[in-house]
Amino acid sequence: MEKVKNKHEQKYLRMTLNERIQHFLLLSSFITLVITGFALKYPEAVWVMWTRKLFSDYIFEIRGIVHRVAAVIMIADSLYHIFYVSFTKRGRKLIIDLWFYKKDLTDLPVILPPEPASNTTHALHLFIIMIDTEKTKVTRDELISRLHRKNIGTGVHYIALHLQPYYREMYGHRRGDFPNADFISERTLSIPFSAKLTDEDVGDVIVALKEILE
């Protein structure tokens, strides 16, 4: 949901006009396909026979046209919906809201990504957690190793800039030169985050993190 502000109160936008049209077309085309398809599958049904007597067999020709039009609308709407949730900011936000990473990781000794500021939109590119070393003895590197043994890939985004080879060699920077950057760099890792993840995949990641950190 997206927060909408006005002078007097805050409201939450559940669906935009675009999303309402998508849902309406999907629902109406599905219902139309069911009704028109039922008439073809069960031509001897009471209501079908009654319809044929009332409107003559010509209604079956109309049924065929309506059925095909509804099928085209449903396919087109479905393809657009896939595009919408994959390539638009609003669509990606809807998908991430359905995932359960954050709410299921709140009890673990990790620092989770903050909520985006109200006037910004998250790119939803990475899901980064930071190990809270005051609450667990498991280090970041140990966590990465144990996750990999469970066939769960991770990444480090990112190693502190002053520890990159160029800056170490060019300017002689060493660990400790920038304590805050060192602190974050040593505790940060990215867990799997992709539109291709299934609910089962996400569940596997959460269970593995709990087994290791709890």
N, C-alpha and C. Protein backbone atom coordinates (compact mmCIF):
# COMPACT_ATOMS: atom_id res chain seq x y z
N MET A 1 0.83 -1.19 0.00
CA MET A 1 0.00 0.00 0.00
C MET A 1 0.87 1.25 0.00
N GLU A 2 0.38 2.27 -0.61
CA GLU A 2 1.13 3.50 -0.75
C GLU A 2 0.43 4.61 0.03
N LYS A 3 1.21 5.34 0.84
CA LYS A 3 0.63 6.36 1.68
C LYS A 3 0.33 7.62 0.86
N VAL A 4 -0.86 8.14 1.04
CA VAL A 4 -1.28 9.37 0.36
C VAL A 4 -1.59 10.41 1.42
N LYS A 5 -1.01 11.58 1.29
CA LYS A 5 -1.19 12.62 2.29
C LYS A 5 -2.09 13.73 1.78
N ASN A 6 -2.88 14.30 2.68
CA ASN A 6 -3.59 15.53 2.39
C ASN A 6 -3.50 16.42 3.62
N LYS A 7 -4.20 17.52 3.62
CA LYS A 7 -4.04 18.50 4.69
C LYS A 7 -4.57 17.98 6.03
N HIS A 8 -5.51 17.06 6.01
CA HIS A 8 -6.20 16.69 7.23
C HIS A 8 -5.84 15.30 7.75
N GLU A 9 -5.54 14.39 6.88
CA GLU A 9 -5.28 13.03 7.33
C GLU A 9 -4.41 12.29 6.34
N GLN A 10 -3.94 11.09 6.77
CA GLN A 10 -3.16 10.23 5.90
C GLN A 10 -4.02 9.06 5.47
N LYS A 11 -3.98 8.74 4.20
CA LYS A 11 -4.72 7.61 3.68
C LYS A 11 -3.76 6.68 2.95
N TYR A 12 -4.17 5.45 2.78
CA TYR A 12 -3.34 4.47 2.10
C TYR A 12 -4.01 4.06 0.79
N LEU A 13 -3.25 4.20 -0.28
CA LEU A 13 -3.75 3.86 -1.60
C LEU A 13 -3.57 2.36 -1.82
N ARG A 14 -4.66 1.62 -1.82
CA ARG A 14 -4.56 0.18 -1.98
C ARG A 14 -4.36 -0.19 -3.46
N MET A 15 -5.12 0.43 -4.34
CA MET A 15 -4.98 0.15 -5.76
C MET A 15 -5.15 1.43 -6.55
N THR A 16 -4.27 1.62 -7.51
CA THR A 16 -4.41 2.76 -8.41
C THR A 16 -5.51 2.46 -9.43
N LEU A 17 -5.90 3.47 -10.22
CA LEU A 17 -6.91 3.27 -11.27
C LEU A 17 -6.43 2.20 -12.26
N ASN A 18 -5.15 2.25 -12.59
CA ASN A 18 -4.57 1.26 -13.49
C ASN A 18 -4.77 -0.15 -12.94
N GLU A 19 -4.48 -0.34 -11.67
CA GLU A 19 -4.60 -1.67 -11.05
C GLU A 19 -6.07 -2.11 -10.96
N ARG A 20 -6.96 -1.16 -10.72
CA ARG A 20 -8.39 -1.50 -10.66
C ARG A 20 -8.89 -1.97 -12.02
N ILE A 21 -8.43 -1.30 -13.07
CA ILE A 21 -8.83 -1.70 -14.43
C ILE A 21 -8.29 -3.10 -14.73
N GLN A 22 -7.03 -3.36 -14.34
CA GLN A 22 -6.45 -4.69 -14.55
C GLN A 22 -7.29 -5.77 -13.86
N HIS A 23 -7.64 -5.52 -12.61
CA HIS A 23 -8.40 -6.51 -11.85
C HIS A 23 -9.81 -6.68 -12.44
N PHE A 24 -10.42 -5.58 -12.84
CA PHE A 24 -11.76 -5.66 -13.42
C PHE A 24 -11.75 -6.48 -14.70
N LEU A 25 -10.79 -6.20 -15.59
CA LEU A 25 -10.73 -6.92 -16.86
C LEU A 25 -10.45 -8.40 -16.63
N LEU A 26 -9.56 -8.70 -15.69
CA LEU A 26 -9.24 -10.10 -15.41
C LEU A 26 -10.46 -10.83 -14.86
N LEU A 27 -11.15 -10.20 -13.90
CA LEU A 27 -12.32 -10.84 -13.29
C LEU A 27 -13.47 -10.99 -14.29
N SER A 28 -13.77 -9.92 -15.02
CA SER A 28 -14.91 -9.96 -15.94
C SER A 28 -14.65 -10.92 -17.11
N SER A 29 -13.42 -10.95 -17.61
CA SER A 29 -13.12 -11.87 -18.72
C SER A 29 -13.16 -13.32 -18.24
N PHE A 30 -12.71 -13.57 -17.01
CA PHE A 30 -12.75 -14.93 -16.46
C PHE A 30 -14.19 -15.40 -16.29
N ILE A 31 -15.03 -14.56 -15.72
CA ILE A 31 -16.44 -14.92 -15.53
C ILE A 31 -17.12 -15.16 -16.87
N THR A 32 -16.81 -14.30 -17.84
CA THR A 32 -17.39 -14.46 -19.17
C THR A 32 -16.96 -15.77 -19.81
N LEU A 33 -15.69 -16.13 -19.66
CA LEU A 33 -15.20 -17.39 -20.21
C LEU A 33 -15.89 -18.58 -19.55
N VAL A 34 -16.10 -18.48 -18.24
CA VAL A 34 -16.76 -19.58 -17.53
C VAL A 34 -18.19 -19.77 -18.04
N ILE A 35 -18.93 -18.68 -18.15
CA ILE A 35 -20.34 -18.76 -18.57
C ILE A 35 -20.47 -19.25 -20.00
N THR A 36 -19.70 -18.64 -20.90
CA THR A 36 -19.80 -19.02 -22.31
C THR A 36 -19.23 -20.41 -22.55
N GLY A 37 -18.19 -20.77 -21.81
CA GLY A 37 -17.62 -22.11 -21.96
C GLY A 37 -18.53 -23.19 -21.40
N PHE A 38 -19.23 -22.87 -20.32
CA PHE A 38 -20.17 -23.82 -19.72
C PHE A 38 -21.28 -24.16 -20.71
N ALA A 39 -21.75 -23.13 -21.42
CA ALA A 39 -22.82 -23.35 -22.38
C ALA A 39 -22.38 -24.30 -23.50
N LEU A 40 -21.11 -24.28 -23.85
CA LEU A 40 -20.60 -25.17 -24.90
C LEU A 40 -20.37 -26.58 -24.36
N LYS A 41 -19.85 -26.64 -23.12
CA LYS A 41 -19.54 -27.94 -22.53
C LYS A 41 -20.80 -28.71 -22.14
N TYR A 42 -21.79 -27.98 -21.65
CA TYR A 42 -23.02 -28.63 -21.19
C TYR A 42 -24.24 -28.02 -21.91
N PRO A 43 -24.40 -28.30 -23.19
CA PRO A 43 -25.49 -27.69 -23.98
C PRO A 43 -26.88 -28.16 -23.55
N GLU A 44 -26.95 -29.26 -22.80
CA GLU A 44 -28.26 -29.78 -22.37
C GLU A 44 -28.65 -29.27 -20.99
N ALA A 45 -27.85 -28.40 -20.39
CA ALA A 45 -28.19 -27.85 -19.08
C ALA A 45 -29.48 -27.05 -19.18
N VAL A 46 -30.23 -27.02 -18.06
CA VAL A 46 -31.55 -26.39 -18.07
C VAL A 46 -31.48 -24.93 -18.51
N TRP A 47 -30.56 -24.17 -17.89
CA TRP A 47 -30.50 -22.74 -18.22
C TRP A 47 -30.02 -22.51 -19.64
N VAL A 48 -29.20 -23.43 -20.17
CA VAL A 48 -28.74 -23.31 -21.55
C VAL A 48 -29.91 -23.56 -22.51
N MET A 49 -30.68 -24.61 -22.24
CA MET A 49 -31.85 -24.91 -23.07
C MET A 49 -32.85 -23.76 -23.03
N TRP A 50 -33.04 -23.20 -21.85
CA TRP A 50 -33.97 -22.08 -21.70
C TRP A 50 -33.50 -20.87 -22.51
N THR A 51 -32.19 -20.63 -22.50
CA THR A 51 -31.62 -19.51 -23.25
C THR A 51 -31.80 -19.72 -24.76
N ARG A 52 -31.61 -20.95 -25.21
CA ARG A 52 -31.75 -21.25 -26.64
C ARG A 52 -33.20 -21.07 -27.10
N LYS A 53 -34.15 -21.45 -26.25
CA LYS A 53 -35.56 -21.27 -26.61
C LYS A 53 -35.94 -19.80 -26.64
N LEU A 54 -35.33 -19.05 -25.72
CA LEU A 54 -35.68 -17.63 -25.61
C LEU A 54 -35.08 -16.81 -26.74
N PHE A 55 -33.83 -17.11 -27.09
CA PHE A 55 -33.12 -16.28 -28.09
C PHE A 55 -32.83 -17.02 -29.39
N SER A 56 -33.24 -18.26 -29.51
CA SER A 56 -32.97 -19.11 -30.68
C SER A 56 -31.49 -19.51 -30.70
N ASP A 57 -31.14 -20.37 -31.65
CA ASP A 57 -29.77 -20.86 -31.74
C ASP A 57 -28.77 -19.77 -32.12
N TYR A 58 -29.28 -18.63 -32.55
CA TYR A 58 -28.39 -17.52 -32.92
C TYR A 58 -27.53 -17.09 -31.73
N ILE A 59 -28.08 -17.33 -30.52
CA ILE A 59 -27.33 -16.93 -29.32
C ILE A 59 -26.01 -17.69 -29.22
N PHE A 60 -25.97 -18.90 -29.81
CA PHE A 60 -24.73 -19.68 -29.74
C PHE A 60 -23.64 -19.08 -30.62
N GLU A 61 -24.04 -18.45 -31.71
CA GLU A 61 -23.05 -17.77 -32.55
C GLU A 61 -22.47 -16.58 -31.79
N ILE A 62 -23.34 -15.84 -31.11
CA ILE A 62 -22.87 -14.72 -30.30
C ILE A 62 -21.97 -15.21 -29.17
N ARG A 63 -22.38 -16.35 -28.56
CA ARG A 63 -21.58 -16.92 -27.49
C ARG A 63 -20.14 -17.18 -27.92
N GLY A 64 -20.00 -17.72 -29.14
CA GLY A 64 -18.66 -18.02 -29.64
C GLY A 64 -17.82 -16.76 -29.79
N ILE A 65 -18.43 -15.69 -30.31
CA ILE A 65 -17.70 -14.43 -30.48
C ILE A 65 -17.31 -13.84 -29.13
N VAL A 66 -18.27 -13.82 -28.21
CA VAL A 66 -18.00 -13.27 -26.87
C VAL A 66 -16.91 -14.08 -26.18
N HIS A 67 -16.95 -15.40 -26.32
CA HIS A 67 -15.95 -16.28 -25.69
C HIS A 67 -14.54 -15.96 -26.19
N ARG A 68 -14.42 -15.78 -27.50
CA ARG A 68 -13.10 -15.49 -28.08
C ARG A 68 -12.60 -14.11 -27.65
N VAL A 69 -13.50 -13.12 -27.65
CA VAL A 69 -13.12 -11.77 -27.23
C VAL A 69 -12.66 -11.78 -25.77
N ALA A 70 -13.39 -12.49 -24.92
CA ALA A 70 -13.01 -12.58 -23.50
C ALA A 70 -11.65 -13.25 -23.34
N ALA A 71 -11.39 -14.27 -24.15
CA ALA A 71 -10.10 -14.97 -24.09
C ALA A 71 -8.96 -14.03 -24.46
N VAL A 72 -9.16 -13.26 -25.52
CA VAL A 72 -8.13 -12.30 -25.94
C VAL A 72 -7.88 -11.25 -24.85
N ILE A 73 -8.95 -10.74 -24.26
CA ILE A 73 -8.82 -9.74 -23.20
C ILE A 73 -8.07 -10.32 -22.00
N MET A 74 -8.40 -11.55 -21.63
CA MET A 74 -7.76 -12.17 -20.47
C MET A 74 -6.27 -12.39 -20.71
N ILE A 75 -5.93 -12.87 -21.90
CA ILE A 75 -4.52 -13.10 -22.22
C ILE A 75 -3.75 -11.79 -22.26
N ALA A 76 -4.32 -10.79 -22.92
CA ALA A 76 -3.65 -9.48 -23.01
C ALA A 76 -3.48 -8.85 -21.63
N ASP A 77 -4.51 -8.93 -20.80
CA ASP A 77 -4.45 -8.36 -19.46
C ASP A 77 -3.42 -9.10 -18.61
N SER A 78 -3.34 -10.41 -18.75
CA SER A 78 -2.38 -11.20 -17.99
C SER A 78 -0.95 -10.84 -18.37
N LEU A 79 -0.71 -10.69 -19.68
CA LEU A 79 0.63 -10.32 -20.14
C LEU A 79 1.00 -8.92 -19.65
N TYR A 80 0.04 -8.01 -19.70
CA TYR A 80 0.31 -6.66 -19.21
C TYR A 80 0.59 -6.68 -17.71
N HIS A 81 -0.15 -7.52 -16.98
CA HIS A 81 0.06 -7.60 -15.53
C HIS A 81 1.46 -8.10 -15.21
N ILE A 82 1.95 -9.08 -15.98
CA ILE A 82 3.31 -9.58 -15.78
C ILE A 82 4.31 -8.45 -16.02
N PHE A 83 4.11 -7.70 -17.10
CA PHE A 83 4.97 -6.55 -17.38
C PHE A 83 4.90 -5.54 -16.23
N TYR A 84 3.69 -5.28 -15.74
CA TYR A 84 3.48 -4.26 -14.71
C TYR A 84 4.25 -4.59 -13.42
N VAL A 85 4.15 -5.84 -12.97
CA VAL A 85 4.79 -6.21 -11.71
C VAL A 85 6.29 -6.44 -11.87
N SER A 86 6.74 -6.58 -13.11
CA SER A 86 8.17 -6.85 -13.35
C SER A 86 8.98 -5.60 -13.66
N PHE A 87 8.36 -4.62 -14.31
CA PHE A 87 9.15 -3.52 -14.83
C PHE A 87 8.72 -2.13 -14.36
N THR A 88 7.69 -2.03 -13.55
CA THR A 88 7.32 -0.72 -13.02
C THR A 88 7.63 -0.66 -11.53
N LYS A 89 7.94 0.53 -11.04
CA LYS A 89 8.27 0.69 -9.62
C LYS A 89 7.11 0.28 -8.74
N ARG A 90 5.93 0.73 -9.10
CA ARG A 90 4.74 0.42 -8.32
C ARG A 90 4.48 -1.09 -8.31
N GLY A 91 4.64 -1.73 -9.46
CA GLY A 91 4.41 -3.17 -9.55
C GLY A 91 5.40 -3.96 -8.71
N ARG A 92 6.69 -3.59 -8.78
CA ARG A 92 7.69 -4.28 -7.97
C ARG A 92 7.42 -4.09 -6.49
N LYS A 93 6.92 -2.90 -6.12
CA LYS A 93 6.59 -2.65 -4.72
C LYS A 93 5.46 -3.58 -4.25
N LEU A 94 4.49 -3.83 -5.11
CA LEU A 94 3.40 -4.73 -4.76
C LEU A 94 3.92 -6.14 -4.51
N ILE A 95 4.87 -6.57 -5.35
CA ILE A 95 5.42 -7.91 -5.18
C ILE A 95 6.20 -8.02 -3.88
N ILE A 96 7.03 -7.03 -3.60
CA ILE A 96 7.84 -7.11 -2.39
C ILE A 96 6.98 -7.05 -1.14
N ASP A 97 5.84 -6.36 -1.23
CA ASP A 97 4.94 -6.31 -0.07
C ASP A 97 4.33 -7.68 0.22
N LEU A 98 4.29 -8.55 -0.79
CA LEU A 98 3.72 -9.88 -0.59
C LEU A 98 4.74 -10.83 0.03
N TRP A 99 6.01 -10.51 -0.11
CA TRP A 99 7.03 -11.36 0.48
C TRP A 99 7.07 -11.17 1.97
N PHE A 100 7.69 -12.12 2.67
CA PHE A 100 7.63 -12.10 4.12
C PHE A 100 9.02 -12.07 4.75
N TYR A 101 10.01 -11.55 4.03
CA TYR A 101 11.35 -11.47 4.60
C TYR A 101 11.37 -10.68 5.90
N LYS A 102 10.95 -9.43 5.84
CA LYS A 102 11.14 -8.53 6.98
C LYS A 102 10.44 -9.02 8.23
N LYS A 103 9.16 -9.31 8.11
CA LYS A 103 8.40 -9.64 9.31
C LYS A 103 8.88 -10.94 9.94
N ASP A 104 9.50 -11.84 9.16
CA ASP A 104 9.98 -13.09 9.71
C ASP A 104 11.43 -13.03 10.17
N LEU A 105 12.09 -11.92 9.94
CA LEU A 105 13.48 -11.77 10.38
C LEU A 105 13.62 -10.81 11.55
N THR A 106 12.52 -10.24 12.00
CA THR A 106 12.59 -9.21 13.04
C THR A 106 13.12 -9.74 14.37
N ASP A 107 12.94 -11.04 14.63
CA ASP A 107 13.39 -11.60 15.91
C ASP A 107 14.83 -12.09 15.86
N LEU A 108 15.47 -12.01 14.72
CA LEU A 108 16.84 -12.47 14.59
C LEU A 108 17.83 -11.36 14.93
N PRO A 109 19.05 -11.73 15.31
CA PRO A 109 20.07 -10.72 15.63
C PRO A 109 20.66 -10.07 14.39
N VAL A 110 19.81 -9.45 13.61
CA VAL A 110 20.25 -8.76 12.40
C VAL A 110 19.58 -7.39 12.34
N ILE A 111 20.23 -6.46 11.67
CA ILE A 111 19.67 -5.14 11.43
C ILE A 111 19.11 -5.14 10.01
N LEU A 112 17.82 -4.87 9.89
CA LEU A 112 17.14 -4.95 8.60
C LEU A 112 17.15 -3.61 7.88
N PRO A 113 16.93 -3.63 6.56
CA PRO A 113 16.90 -2.36 5.81
C PRO A 113 15.81 -1.44 6.35
N PRO A 114 16.10 -0.15 6.46
CA PRO A 114 15.07 0.79 6.91
C PRO A 114 14.00 0.98 5.85
N GLU A 115 12.84 1.45 6.27
CA GLU A 115 11.79 1.76 5.31
C GLU A 115 12.20 2.98 4.49
N PRO A 116 11.92 2.99 3.18
CA PRO A 116 12.27 4.16 2.36
C PRO A 116 11.56 5.42 2.87
N ALA A 117 12.21 6.55 2.71
CA ALA A 117 11.59 7.82 3.09
C ALA A 117 10.32 8.03 2.27
N SER A 118 9.39 8.79 2.83
CA SER A 118 8.07 8.95 2.20
C SER A 118 8.14 9.56 0.81
N ASN A 119 9.18 10.34 0.53
CA ASN A 119 9.28 11.00 -0.77
C ASN A 119 10.24 10.27 -1.71
N THR A 120 10.54 9.01 -1.40
CA THR A 120 11.46 8.24 -2.24
C THR A 120 10.83 6.90 -2.62
N THR A 121 11.45 6.23 -3.60
CA THR A 121 11.03 4.90 -4.02
C THR A 121 12.24 3.98 -4.05
N HIS A 122 12.15 2.85 -3.37
CA HIS A 122 13.26 1.91 -3.32
C HIS A 122 13.41 1.21 -4.67
N ALA A 123 14.65 1.02 -5.11
CA ALA A 123 14.89 0.35 -6.38
C ALA A 123 14.63 -1.16 -6.29
N LEU A 124 14.56 -1.70 -5.07
CA LEU A 124 14.30 -3.12 -4.85
C LEU A 124 15.31 -3.98 -5.59
N HIS A 125 16.56 -3.58 -5.52
CA HIS A 125 17.63 -4.30 -6.21
C HIS A 125 18.29 -5.33 -5.31
N LEU A 126 18.49 -4.98 -4.04
CA LEU A 126 19.16 -5.86 -3.09
C LEU A 126 18.39 -5.89 -1.78
N PHE A 127 18.51 -7.02 -1.06
CA PHE A 127 17.97 -7.10 0.30
C PHE A 127 19.16 -7.35 1.22
N ILE A 128 19.59 -6.31 1.90
CA ILE A 128 20.81 -6.35 2.70
C ILE A 128 20.48 -6.41 4.18
N ILE A 129 21.13 -7.33 4.89
CA ILE A 129 21.00 -7.38 6.34
C ILE A 129 22.38 -7.16 6.95
N MET A 130 22.41 -6.72 8.20
CA MET A 130 23.67 -6.50 8.89
C MET A 130 23.65 -7.28 10.19
N ILE A 131 24.66 -8.09 10.42
CA ILE A 131 24.74 -8.91 11.62
C ILE A 131 24.91 -8.03 12.85
N ASP A 132 24.08 -8.25 13.84
CA ASP A 132 24.18 -7.52 15.10
C ASP A 132 25.11 -8.30 16.02
N THR A 133 26.38 -7.96 16.02
CA THR A 133 27.39 -8.72 16.76
C THR A 133 27.25 -8.61 18.26
N GLU A 134 26.42 -7.70 18.74
CA GLU A 134 26.18 -7.61 20.17
C GLU A 134 25.18 -8.67 20.63
N LYS A 135 24.47 -9.28 19.68
CA LYS A 135 23.45 -10.26 20.04
C LYS A 135 23.77 -11.67 19.55
N THR A 136 24.82 -11.84 18.77
CA THR A 136 25.20 -13.17 18.29
C THR A 136 26.72 -13.25 18.14
N LYS A 137 27.22 -14.47 18.30
CA LYS A 137 28.66 -14.70 18.13
C LYS A 137 28.98 -15.14 16.70
N VAL A 138 27.94 -15.33 15.90
CA VAL A 138 28.15 -15.73 14.52
C VAL A 138 28.63 -14.53 13.71
N THR A 139 29.75 -14.67 13.05
CA THR A 139 30.25 -13.58 12.22
C THR A 139 29.60 -13.59 10.85
N ARG A 140 29.77 -12.50 10.14
CA ARG A 140 29.22 -12.42 8.79
C ARG A 140 29.79 -13.51 7.90
N ASP A 141 31.12 -13.69 7.91
CA ASP A 141 31.75 -14.68 7.04
C ASP A 141 31.33 -16.10 7.41
N GLU A 142 31.14 -16.35 8.70
CA GLU A 142 30.68 -17.68 9.13
C GLU A 142 29.26 -17.92 8.65
N LEU A 143 28.42 -16.89 8.72
CA LEU A 143 27.04 -17.02 8.25
C LEU A 143 27.01 -17.30 6.76
N ILE A 144 27.82 -16.59 6.00
CA ILE A 144 27.88 -16.81 4.55
C ILE A 144 28.29 -18.25 4.26
N SER A 145 29.32 -18.74 4.96
CA SER A 145 29.81 -20.10 4.74
C SER A 145 28.75 -21.15 5.05
N ARG A 146 28.05 -20.96 6.15
CA ARG A 146 27.04 -21.95 6.56
C ARG A 146 25.81 -21.90 5.65
N LEU A 147 25.46 -20.72 5.16
CA LEU A 147 24.37 -20.62 4.19
C LEU A 147 24.73 -21.30 2.88
N HIS A 148 25.98 -21.11 2.45
CA HIS A 148 26.43 -21.74 1.21
C HIS A 148 26.38 -23.26 1.32
N ARG A 149 26.66 -23.79 2.51
CA ARG A 149 26.60 -25.24 2.71
C ARG A 149 25.16 -25.74 2.60
N LYS A 150 24.21 -24.84 2.77
CA LYS A 150 22.80 -25.18 2.61
C LYS A 150 22.30 -24.81 1.20
N ASN A 151 23.25 -24.54 0.29
CA ASN A 151 22.94 -24.17 -1.10
C ASN A 151 22.16 -22.87 -1.21
N ILE A 152 22.46 -21.94 -0.31
CA ILE A 152 21.84 -20.61 -0.35
C ILE A 152 22.93 -19.60 -0.63
N GLY A 153 22.86 -18.99 -1.80
CA GLY A 153 23.89 -18.02 -2.19
C GLY A 153 23.69 -16.68 -1.51
N THR A 154 24.77 -15.98 -1.29
CA THR A 154 24.73 -14.65 -0.70
C THR A 154 25.73 -13.76 -1.43
N GLY A 155 25.73 -12.48 -1.08
CA GLY A 155 26.70 -11.55 -1.64
C GLY A 155 27.09 -10.54 -0.58
N VAL A 156 28.16 -9.82 -0.84
CA VAL A 156 28.59 -8.75 0.06
C VAL A 156 28.52 -7.45 -0.71
N HIS A 157 27.59 -6.61 -0.32
CA HIS A 157 27.37 -5.32 -1.00
C HIS A 157 27.33 -4.19 0.03
N TYR A 158 28.49 -3.57 0.27
CA TYR A 158 29.73 -3.83 -0.47
C TYR A 158 30.90 -3.80 0.50
N ILE A 159 32.06 -4.26 0.04
CA ILE A 159 33.28 -4.09 0.82
C ILE A 159 33.60 -2.60 0.86
N ALA A 160 34.02 -2.12 2.03
CA ALA A 160 34.29 -0.69 2.21
C ALA A 160 35.22 -0.17 1.11
N LEU A 161 34.93 1.03 0.63
CA LEU A 161 35.66 1.60 -0.51
C LEU A 161 37.16 1.68 -0.23
N HIS A 162 37.56 2.10 0.98
CA HIS A 162 38.98 2.29 1.25
C HIS A 162 39.74 0.95 1.34
N LEU A 163 39.00 -0.17 1.38
CA LEU A 163 39.64 -1.48 1.41
C LEU A 163 39.71 -2.13 0.03
N GLN A 164 39.19 -1.46 -0.97
CA GLN A 164 39.31 -1.95 -2.34
C GLN A 164 40.77 -1.84 -2.78
N PRO A 165 41.23 -2.77 -3.61
CA PRO A 165 42.65 -2.81 -4.00
C PRO A 165 43.19 -1.47 -4.51
N TYR A 166 42.42 -0.77 -5.34
CA TYR A 166 42.93 0.49 -5.90
C TYR A 166 43.26 1.49 -4.81
N TYR A 167 42.36 1.66 -3.85
CA TYR A 167 42.57 2.67 -2.81
C TYR A 167 43.63 2.22 -1.80
N ARG A 168 43.74 0.92 -1.60
CA ARG A 168 44.79 0.42 -0.71
C ARG A 168 46.17 0.68 -1.32
N GLU A 169 46.28 0.42 -2.63
CA GLU A 169 47.57 0.55 -3.29
C GLU A 169 47.90 2.02 -3.62
N MET A 170 46.88 2.77 -4.03
CA MET A 170 47.11 4.14 -4.46
C MET A 170 47.30 5.09 -3.30
N TYR A 171 46.51 4.89 -2.24
CA TYR A 171 46.55 5.84 -1.13
C TYR A 171 47.00 5.23 0.19
N GLY A 172 47.28 3.95 0.19
CA GLY A 172 47.79 3.32 1.39
C GLY A 172 46.76 3.15 2.50
N HIS A 173 45.47 3.15 2.14
CA HIS A 173 44.43 2.98 3.17
C HIS A 173 44.48 1.58 3.76
N ARG A 174 44.17 1.50 5.06
CA ARG A 174 44.14 0.24 5.76
C ARG A 174 42.90 0.15 6.62
N ARG A 175 42.62 -1.08 7.05
CA ARG A 175 41.49 -1.26 7.97
C ARG A 175 41.72 -0.41 9.21
N GLY A 176 40.68 0.30 9.61
CA GLY A 176 40.80 1.17 10.76
C GLY A 176 40.86 2.63 10.39
N ASP A 177 41.15 2.93 9.14
CA ASP A 177 41.20 4.34 8.71
C ASP A 177 39.81 4.98 8.77
N PHE A 178 38.80 4.19 8.47
CA PHE A 178 37.42 4.68 8.50
C PHE A 178 36.58 3.68 9.29
N PRO A 179 36.55 3.82 10.61
CA PRO A 179 35.92 2.83 11.50
C PRO A 179 34.46 2.53 11.17
N ASN A 180 33.69 3.55 10.84
CA ASN A 180 32.27 3.32 10.56
C ASN A 180 32.08 2.48 9.30
N ALA A 181 32.88 2.79 8.27
CA ALA A 181 32.82 2.01 7.04
C ALA A 181 33.27 0.57 7.30
N ASP A 182 34.31 0.41 8.12
CA ASP A 182 34.78 -0.93 8.48
C ASP A 182 33.68 -1.71 9.19
N PHE A 183 33.02 -1.05 10.12
CA PHE A 183 31.98 -1.69 10.94
C PHE A 183 30.87 -2.26 10.06
N ILE A 184 30.40 -1.45 9.11
CA ILE A 184 29.32 -1.90 8.23
C ILE A 184 29.81 -2.97 7.26
N SER A 185 30.99 -2.75 6.70
CA SER A 185 31.53 -3.67 5.71
C SER A 185 31.74 -5.08 6.27
N GLU A 186 32.12 -5.17 7.54
CA GLU A 186 32.41 -6.47 8.15
C GLU A 186 31.15 -7.23 8.55
N ARG A 187 30.01 -6.56 8.56
CA ARG A 187 28.79 -7.18 9.08
C ARG A 187 27.67 -7.30 8.04
N THR A 188 27.89 -6.80 6.85
CA THR A 188 26.85 -6.71 5.83
C THR A 188 26.88 -7.89 4.87
N LEU A 189 25.69 -8.39 4.53
CA LEU A 189 25.57 -9.37 3.45
C LEU A 189 24.20 -9.25 2.81
N SER A 190 24.13 -9.68 1.56
CA SER A 190 22.87 -9.65 0.81
C SER A 190 22.34 -11.07 0.70
N ILE A 191 21.07 -11.25 1.06
CA ILE A 191 20.45 -12.56 0.96
C ILE A 191 19.65 -12.63 -0.35
N PRO A 192 19.30 -13.84 -0.81
CA PRO A 192 18.62 -13.97 -2.11
C PRO A 192 17.41 -13.05 -2.22
N PHE A 193 17.31 -12.40 -3.38
CA PHE A 193 16.27 -11.40 -3.58
C PHE A 193 16.01 -11.30 -5.08
N SER A 194 14.93 -11.91 -5.53
CA SER A 194 14.66 -11.93 -6.97
C SER A 194 13.19 -12.23 -7.21
N ALA A 195 12.68 -11.73 -8.33
CA ALA A 195 11.29 -12.01 -8.71
C ALA A 195 11.10 -13.49 -9.02
N LYS A 196 12.18 -14.22 -9.24
CA LYS A 196 12.09 -15.63 -9.57
C LYS A 196 12.01 -16.51 -8.32
N LEU A 197 12.19 -15.93 -7.14
CA LEU A 197 12.10 -16.71 -5.91
C LEU A 197 10.66 -17.15 -5.67
N THR A 198 10.48 -18.42 -5.36
CA THR A 198 9.17 -18.92 -4.98
C THR A 198 8.98 -18.73 -3.48
N ASP A 199 7.75 -18.91 -3.01
CA ASP A 199 7.50 -18.85 -1.58
C ASP A 199 8.33 -19.89 -0.84
N GLU A 200 8.51 -21.05 -1.47
CA GLU A 200 9.32 -22.11 -0.85
C GLU A 200 10.78 -21.68 -0.73
N ASP A 201 11.30 -21.00 -1.76
CA ASP A 201 12.67 -20.51 -1.72
C ASP A 201 12.87 -19.53 -0.57
N VAL A 202 11.94 -18.58 -0.46
CA VAL A 202 12.02 -17.58 0.60
C VAL A 202 11.94 -18.26 1.97
N GLY A 203 11.06 -19.25 2.08
CA GLY A 203 10.94 -19.99 3.33
C GLY A 203 12.23 -20.71 3.69
N ASP A 204 12.90 -21.28 2.69
CA ASP A 204 14.17 -21.97 2.94
C ASP A 204 15.23 -21.01 3.49
N VAL A 205 15.27 -19.80 2.94
CA VAL A 205 16.23 -18.80 3.40
C VAL A 205 15.95 -18.43 4.86
N ILE A 206 14.70 -18.19 5.16
CA ILE A 206 14.32 -17.79 6.53
C ILE A 206 14.62 -18.89 7.53
N VAL A 207 14.28 -20.13 7.18
CA VAL A 207 14.53 -21.25 8.08
C VAL A 207 16.03 -21.41 8.32
N ALA A 208 16.83 -21.29 7.26
CA ALA A 208 18.28 -21.43 7.39
C ALA A 208 18.86 -20.33 8.29
N LEU A 209 18.42 -19.11 8.10
CA LEU A 209 18.89 -18.01 8.94
C LEU A 209 18.54 -18.23 10.40
N LYS A 210 17.34 -18.73 10.65
CA LYS A 210 16.93 -18.98 12.04
C LYS A 210 17.73 -20.12 12.67
N GLU A 211 17.98 -21.15 11.88
CA GLU A 211 18.76 -22.28 12.40
C GLU A 211 20.17 -21.86 12.79
N ILE A 212 20.74 -20.96 12.01
CA ILE A 212 22.12 -20.53 12.25
C ILE A 212 22.24 -19.46 13.33
N LEU A 213 21.30 -18.53 13.35
CA LEU A 213 21.44 -17.35 14.21
C LEU A 213 20.71 -17.46 15.54
N GLU A 214 19.69 -18.31 15.63
CA GLU A 214 18.95 -18.37 16.88
C GLU A 214 19.66 -19.24 17.92
